[in-house]
Amino acid sequence: ANHKSALKAILLYEREKQTNITLCKVSTSFQRSFVAFLRDRKLSPNTINTRMRSIKIIMQAAYKDKLTQNDDFRSNEFVPLTETTDDIFLNHQQIKQMIDFDVKSACLLNHKNAKAMRYLEYSRDIFVMGCFTGQRVSDYTTINKQMKVIIDKKEFIKLTQKKTGVTVLIPCNDTINQILEKYNGVLPHMSLNTFRKNLKLLGEMLGWTYRLPL
């Protein structure tokens, strides 16, 4: 998937620059120009790192197979550095804490109205679904009971990922089944912006106002 994304970026680069990138043209000057091209498209440093790493892997294979004598990819600066992100990860205990969280009582304590309480509960359940399925938000928010399949007497969610087109089988557990049952088999719908705001508020209500150690 990373190699395909790198190829797509190179094809866009070729079209804009009106050039043809061959193995012998993957030089340090190409690297600087291509990285600048990616930055102009607002790609993050980590995404640019991934694109250039794919190109380096391909060049290594081509060099090894004697398809090119170009070894500019060996430069330490060929693959730009990544950046440190602010991603925060939850452990199983904290996920359980969120599952058991009494949203109604917390909302009453914080003077939230019925609609706010309902949407906070929706957000909690959708997020927990994401935790137990390990999918992108664009995928796990679409999960419904129609996706359930039985294989060797075990229950799975059969889902085709939007970004990759790959079909995956996700083992069902009690939490997944309980959430789907709670909403008659279809997860509630809400905007991504509302979902994120509610998750932040839920974290504050749970007292998660600190950076978790990795």
Protein backbone atom coordinates (compact mmCIF):
# COMPACT_ATOMS: atom_id res chain seq x y z
CA ALA A 1 0.00 0.00 0.00
CA ASN A 2 2.86 2.40 0.83
CA HIS A 3 4.60 1.60 -2.48
CA LYS A 4 1.35 2.26 -4.39
CA SER A 5 0.97 5.61 -2.63
CA ALA A 6 4.57 6.51 -3.50
CA LEU A 7 3.97 5.58 -7.15
CA LYS A 8 0.82 7.70 -7.24
CA ALA A 9 2.80 10.68 -5.87
CA ILE A 10 5.55 10.16 -8.46
CA LEU A 11 3.00 10.09 -11.29
CA LEU A 12 1.54 13.38 -10.05
CA TYR A 13 5.07 14.81 -9.85
CA GLU A 14 5.83 13.68 -13.41
CA ARG A 15 2.64 15.28 -14.67
CA GLU A 16 3.32 18.61 -12.96
CA LYS A 17 7.01 18.75 -13.86
CA GLN A 18 6.43 17.29 -17.34
CA THR A 19 9.20 14.77 -16.88
CA ASN A 20 9.69 11.02 -16.70
CA ILE A 21 11.35 9.59 -13.58
CA THR A 22 13.47 6.53 -14.35
CA LEU A 23 15.75 4.62 -11.97
CA CYS A 24 18.79 6.61 -13.05
CA LYS A 25 16.99 9.91 -12.37
CA VAL A 26 16.32 9.15 -8.68
CA SER A 27 19.16 11.41 -7.61
CA THR A 28 19.77 13.76 -4.68
CA SER A 29 18.44 16.64 -6.79
CA PHE A 30 15.27 14.64 -7.50
CA GLN A 31 14.97 13.92 -3.77
CA ARG A 32 15.05 17.63 -2.91
CA SER A 33 12.59 18.53 -5.64
CA PHE A 34 10.20 15.67 -4.84
CA VAL A 35 10.21 16.36 -1.09
CA ALA A 36 9.46 20.03 -1.79
CA PHE A 37 6.64 18.87 -4.09
CA LEU A 38 5.15 16.75 -1.29
CA ARG A 39 5.48 19.58 1.23
CA ASP A 40 3.65 21.93 -1.14
CA ARG A 41 0.76 19.48 -0.98
CA LYS A 42 0.66 19.84 2.81
CA LEU A 43 1.73 16.25 3.50
CA SER A 44 3.00 15.69 7.03
CA PRO A 45 6.69 14.97 7.68
CA ASN A 46 5.77 11.41 8.67
CA THR A 47 3.89 10.82 5.41
CA ILE A 48 6.78 12.26 3.39
CA ASN A 49 9.15 9.98 5.32
CA THR A 50 6.98 6.98 4.36
CA ARG A 51 6.89 7.97 0.67
CA MET A 52 10.66 8.40 0.48
CA ARG A 53 11.29 5.21 2.42
CA SER A 54 9.23 3.29 -0.16
CA ILE A 55 11.27 4.82 -2.98
CA LYS A 56 14.48 3.90 -1.18
CA ILE A 57 13.34 0.28 -0.76
CA ILE A 58 12.51 0.06 -4.46
CA MET A 59 15.87 1.60 -5.41
CA GLN A 60 17.70 -0.85 -3.13
CA ALA A 61 15.99 -3.77 -4.86
CA ALA A 62 16.73 -2.34 -8.32
CA TYR A 63 20.39 -1.78 -7.42
CA LYS A 64 20.73 -5.28 -6.01
CA ASP A 65 19.20 -6.77 -9.18
CA LYS A 66 21.64 -4.69 -11.29
CA LEU A 67 18.82 -2.74 -12.94
CA THR A 68 20.65 0.50 -12.16
CA GLN A 69 24.05 1.69 -10.97
CA ASN A 70 22.50 4.76 -9.35
CA ASP A 71 23.16 4.61 -5.59
CA ASP A 72 22.17 8.13 -4.53
CA PHE A 73 19.48 6.51 -2.38
CA ARG A 74 22.24 5.47 0.04
CA SER A 75 22.61 9.05 1.27
CA ASN A 76 21.67 9.48 4.94
CA GLU A 77 19.54 12.45 3.92
CA PHE A 78 17.56 10.62 1.23
CA VAL A 79 14.74 9.79 3.65
CA PRO A 80 13.69 12.91 5.65
CA LEU A 81 13.26 12.60 9.38
CA THR A 82 9.90 11.96 10.98
CA GLU A 83 8.39 14.19 13.64
CA THR A 84 7.21 13.40 17.14
CA THR A 85 3.40 13.26 17.28
CA ASP A 86 1.03 13.99 20.14
CA ASP A 87 -0.85 10.69 19.79
CA ILE A 88 -2.08 9.32 23.12
CA PHE A 89 -2.79 5.63 23.60
CA LEU A 90 -5.19 4.04 26.05
CA ASN A 91 -4.58 0.76 27.83
CA HIS A 92 -7.21 -1.94 28.41
CA GLN A 93 -7.97 -0.70 31.91
CA GLN A 94 -8.79 2.78 30.63
CA ILE A 95 -10.95 1.42 27.81
CA LYS A 96 -12.90 -0.56 30.41
CA GLN A 97 -13.16 2.61 32.51
CA MET A 98 -14.74 4.35 29.53
CA ILE A 99 -17.14 1.44 28.91
CA ASP A 100 -18.27 1.52 32.56
CA PHE A 101 -18.47 5.32 32.70
CA ASP A 102 -21.89 6.57 33.87
CA VAL A 103 -22.46 9.26 31.23
CA LYS A 104 -25.91 10.20 32.55
CA SER A 105 -24.72 10.94 36.10
CA ALA A 106 -21.68 12.84 34.83
CA CYS A 107 -23.87 14.98 32.57
CA LEU A 108 -26.28 15.78 35.41
CA LEU A 109 -23.33 16.75 37.59
CA ASN A 110 -21.97 19.00 34.83
CA HIS A 111 -25.39 20.45 33.97
CA LYS A 112 -25.55 18.97 30.47
CA ASN A 113 -28.91 18.70 28.73
CA ALA A 114 -30.47 15.48 27.45
CA LYS A 115 -29.22 15.97 23.87
CA ALA A 116 -25.64 16.56 25.02
CA MET A 117 -25.85 13.46 27.23
CA ARG A 118 -27.18 11.36 24.36
CA TYR A 119 -24.42 12.46 21.96
CA LEU A 120 -21.72 11.90 24.57
CA GLU A 121 -22.96 8.35 25.00
CA TYR A 122 -23.04 7.87 21.23
CA SER A 123 -19.44 9.10 20.99
CA ARG A 124 -18.30 6.82 23.81
CA ASP A 125 -19.85 3.74 22.20
CA ILE A 126 -18.54 4.55 18.72
CA PHE A 127 -15.03 5.12 20.10
CA VAL A 128 -15.11 1.84 22.04
CA MET A 129 -16.16 0.09 18.84
CA GLY A 130 -13.04 1.55 17.23
CA CYS A 131 -10.86 0.32 20.10
CA PHE A 132 -12.08 -3.27 19.73
CA THR A 133 -11.96 -3.42 15.93
CA GLY A 134 -8.68 -1.61 15.25
CA GLN A 135 -9.99 0.10 12.12
CA ARG A 136 -9.85 3.67 10.78
CA VAL A 137 -12.62 5.97 11.95
CA SER A 138 -14.00 6.04 8.39
CA ASP A 139 -14.43 2.26 8.62
CA TYR A 140 -15.47 1.47 12.18
CA THR A 141 -18.22 4.11 12.17
CA THR A 142 -19.92 2.14 9.37
CA ILE A 143 -20.00 -1.20 11.18
CA ASN A 144 -23.46 -2.75 11.45
CA LYS A 145 -25.00 -6.15 12.18
CA GLN A 146 -25.38 -6.89 8.45
CA MET A 147 -21.59 -7.24 8.32
CA LYS A 148 -21.62 -10.22 10.70
CA VAL A 149 -20.55 -13.59 9.31
CA ILE A 150 -20.04 -17.01 10.88
CA ILE A 151 -16.83 -18.89 10.05
CA ASP A 152 -16.01 -22.19 11.78
CA LYS A 153 -18.72 -21.43 14.36
CA LYS A 154 -17.03 -18.12 15.24
CA GLU A 155 -18.57 -14.71 14.67
CA PHE A 156 -16.74 -12.01 12.69
CA ILE A 157 -17.36 -8.56 11.23
CA LYS A 158 -16.60 -8.66 7.50
CA LEU A 159 -15.58 -5.16 6.46
CA THR A 160 -14.10 -3.70 3.27
CA GLN A 161 -11.79 -0.81 4.15
CA LYS A 162 -12.58 2.40 2.29
CA LYS A 163 -8.99 3.59 1.91
CA THR A 164 -7.35 0.35 0.82
CA GLY A 165 -10.25 -1.66 -0.64
CA VAL A 166 -9.04 -4.62 1.42
CA THR A 167 -11.66 -6.88 3.03
CA VAL A 168 -10.86 -7.83 6.64
CA LEU A 169 -12.41 -10.19 9.17
CA ILE A 170 -12.69 -8.77 12.70
CA PRO A 171 -13.48 -11.14 15.57
CA CYS A 172 -16.65 -10.17 17.44
CA ASN A 173 -16.55 -9.95 21.21
CA ASP A 174 -19.25 -9.29 23.79
CA THR A 175 -18.63 -5.53 23.78
CA ILE A 176 -19.03 -5.24 19.99
CA ASN A 177 -22.23 -7.29 20.10
CA GLN A 178 -23.64 -5.30 23.03
CA ILE A 179 -23.04 -1.96 21.30
CA LEU A 180 -24.65 -3.15 18.06
CA GLU A 181 -27.59 -4.58 19.99
CA LYS A 182 -27.99 -1.31 21.88
CA TYR A 183 -28.49 0.60 18.62
CA ASN A 184 -30.52 -2.06 16.78
CA GLY A 185 -27.55 -3.10 14.70
CA VAL A 186 -26.54 0.32 13.31
CA LEU A 187 -24.17 2.75 15.01
CA PRO A 188 -25.46 6.33 15.54
CA HIS A 189 -24.38 8.91 12.99
CA MET A 190 -22.66 12.19 13.86
CA SER A 191 -20.17 14.56 12.29
CA LEU A 192 -16.47 13.87 12.83
CA ASN A 193 -16.08 17.31 14.39
CA THR A 194 -18.79 16.62 17.00
CA PHE A 195 -17.35 13.17 17.63
CA ARG A 196 -13.89 14.58 18.37
CA LYS A 197 -15.23 17.34 20.63
CA ASN A 198 -17.24 14.80 22.59
CA LEU A 199 -14.24 12.50 23.00
CA LYS A 200 -12.23 15.38 24.43
CA LEU A 201 -15.04 16.19 26.86
CA LEU A 202 -15.35 12.53 27.88
CA GLY A 203 -11.62 12.41 28.56
CA GLU A 204 -11.91 15.48 30.78
CA MET A 205 -14.86 13.96 32.66
CA LEU A 206 -12.83 10.80 33.23
CA GLY A 207 -9.93 12.88 34.55
CA TRP A 208 -7.59 12.06 31.66
CA THR A 209 -5.97 15.47 31.59
CA TYR A 210 -2.37 14.27 31.49
CA ARG A 211 0.03 12.87 28.87
CA LEU A 212 0.12 9.10 29.09
CA PRO A 213 3.56 7.42 29.03
CA LEU A 214 4.20 5.31 25.93
